[in-house]
Amino acid sequence: MVSGTRLNMRAPAALLFVALAACTQFPALDDAVSPDVAGSDFPALVPLEPLLAGTAPIVGDPVATTENLEARIAALRARARALQQRPVVDAATRTRMQQRWN
């Protein structure tokens, strides 16, 4: 339950918020759509049932997709190995940091 003083404090804050929101200028949305898009047809709607059932046709070659993903995985693993083998802080920065703390 909200006490009377809390309610009395919230009402002016809510009124101020509504008043400030009413002063907002909205952008002109009529000119936001280019003429070529405004004259085009709506996209075709797709039935929802096949999408929910997971029976939508596979687009693209699954073998090529697998090969691309495996190549990306290998490249990321190689990059991770290279990053793990080098120091996080170079020698000059490490020396400067140690001199600061001594």
Protein backbone atom coordinates (compact mmCIF):
# COMPACT_ATOMS: atom_id res chain seq x y z
CA MET A 1 0.00 0.00 0.00
CA VAL A 2 1.28 3.45 -0.91
CA SER A 3 1.27 6.01 1.84
CA GLY A 4 -0.44 9.37 1.36
CA THR A 5 2.79 11.40 1.21
CA ARG A 6 4.29 9.06 -1.36
CA LEU A 7 1.18 9.34 -3.49
CA ASN A 8 1.27 13.12 -3.15
CA MET A 9 4.89 13.13 -4.35
CA ARG A 10 4.25 10.83 -7.30
CA ALA A 11 1.32 12.77 -8.72
CA PRO A 12 3.29 15.97 -9.52
CA ALA A 13 6.15 13.91 -10.95
CA ALA A 14 3.75 12.03 -13.21
CA LEU A 15 2.06 15.28 -14.25
CA LEU A 16 5.44 16.83 -15.07
CA PHE A 17 6.39 13.78 -17.14
CA VAL A 18 3.13 13.92 -19.12
CA ALA A 19 3.50 17.67 -19.66
CA LEU A 20 7.06 17.28 -20.96
CA ALA A 21 6.03 14.42 -23.21
CA ALA A 22 3.23 16.55 -24.65
CA CYS A 23 5.75 19.22 -25.66
CA THR A 24 7.77 16.80 -27.78
CA GLN A 25 7.89 17.46 -31.50
CA PHE A 26 7.42 14.32 -33.52
CA PRO A 27 9.47 13.85 -36.69
CA ALA A 28 7.76 14.05 -40.07
CA LEU A 29 7.34 10.39 -40.92
CA ASP A 30 5.54 10.97 -44.22
CA ASP A 31 8.81 11.83 -45.96
CA ALA A 32 10.74 8.96 -44.36
CA VAL A 33 9.71 6.49 -47.09
CA SER A 34 11.31 6.93 -50.49
CA PRO A 35 8.96 7.15 -53.50
CA ASP A 36 10.15 3.87 -55.03
CA VAL A 37 9.39 1.99 -51.79
CA ALA A 38 6.07 3.78 -51.31
CA GLY A 39 4.88 2.60 -54.74
CA SER A 40 6.02 -1.01 -54.37
CA ASP A 41 3.84 -3.97 -53.41
CA PHE A 42 3.85 -5.52 -49.97
CA PRO A 43 5.98 -8.67 -49.62
CA ALA A 44 4.26 -12.02 -49.87
CA LEU A 45 3.20 -13.48 -46.56
CA VAL A 46 4.57 -16.89 -45.57
CA PRO A 47 2.38 -19.45 -43.81
CA LEU A 48 3.34 -19.77 -40.16
CA GLU A 49 2.70 -23.51 -39.68
CA PRO A 50 5.68 -24.78 -41.76
CA LEU A 51 7.98 -22.37 -39.94
CA LEU A 52 6.80 -23.54 -36.54
CA ALA A 53 7.02 -27.19 -37.57
CA GLY A 54 10.59 -26.74 -38.79
CA THR A 55 9.73 -28.04 -42.27
CA ALA A 56 10.82 -24.94 -44.14
CA PRO A 57 13.07 -25.75 -47.09
CA ILE A 58 16.80 -25.40 -46.51
CA VAL A 59 18.23 -22.50 -48.47
CA GLY A 60 21.80 -22.92 -49.60
CA ASP A 61 24.17 -25.84 -49.87
CA PRO A 62 24.58 -27.58 -46.49
CA VAL A 63 27.99 -28.98 -47.49
CA ALA A 64 29.31 -25.53 -48.42
CA THR A 65 27.82 -24.05 -45.25
CA THR A 66 29.51 -26.73 -43.14
CA GLU A 67 32.84 -26.16 -44.89
CA ASN A 68 32.57 -22.39 -44.38
CA LEU A 69 31.77 -22.83 -40.69
CA GLU A 70 34.64 -25.29 -40.20
CA ALA A 71 37.03 -22.86 -41.90
CA ARG A 72 35.86 -20.04 -39.63
CA ILE A 73 36.23 -22.27 -36.57
CA ALA A 74 39.78 -23.19 -37.58
CA ALA A 75 40.69 -19.54 -38.19
CA LEU A 76 39.26 -18.50 -34.82
CA ARG A 77 41.10 -21.28 -33.01
CA ALA A 78 44.37 -20.28 -34.71
CA ARG A 79 43.79 -16.67 -33.71
CA ALA A 80 43.07 -17.73 -30.12
CA ARG A 81 46.30 -19.76 -30.00
CA ALA A 82 48.27 -16.78 -31.34
CA LEU A 83 46.73 -14.45 -28.76
CA GLN A 84 47.44 -16.89 -25.93
CA GLN A 85 51.12 -17.16 -26.88
CA ARG A 86 51.87 -13.46 -26.79
CA PRO A 87 52.03 -11.37 -23.63
CA VAL A 88 49.09 -9.21 -22.75
CA VAL A 89 51.33 -6.30 -21.74
CA ASP A 90 54.46 -5.57 -23.77
CA ALA A 91 57.84 -5.30 -22.02
CA ALA A 92 58.10 -1.48 -22.19
CA THR A 93 54.64 -1.01 -20.68
CA ARG A 94 55.34 -3.61 -17.99
CA THR A 95 58.58 -1.80 -17.01
CA ARG A 96 56.77 1.54 -16.88
CA MET A 97 54.01 0.05 -14.73
CA GLN A 98 56.51 -1.52 -12.31
CA GLN A 99 58.39 1.77 -11.97
CA ARG A 100 55.12 3.52 -11.13
CA TRP A 101 54.42 1.14 -8.26
CA ASN A 102 57.91 1.14 -6.78
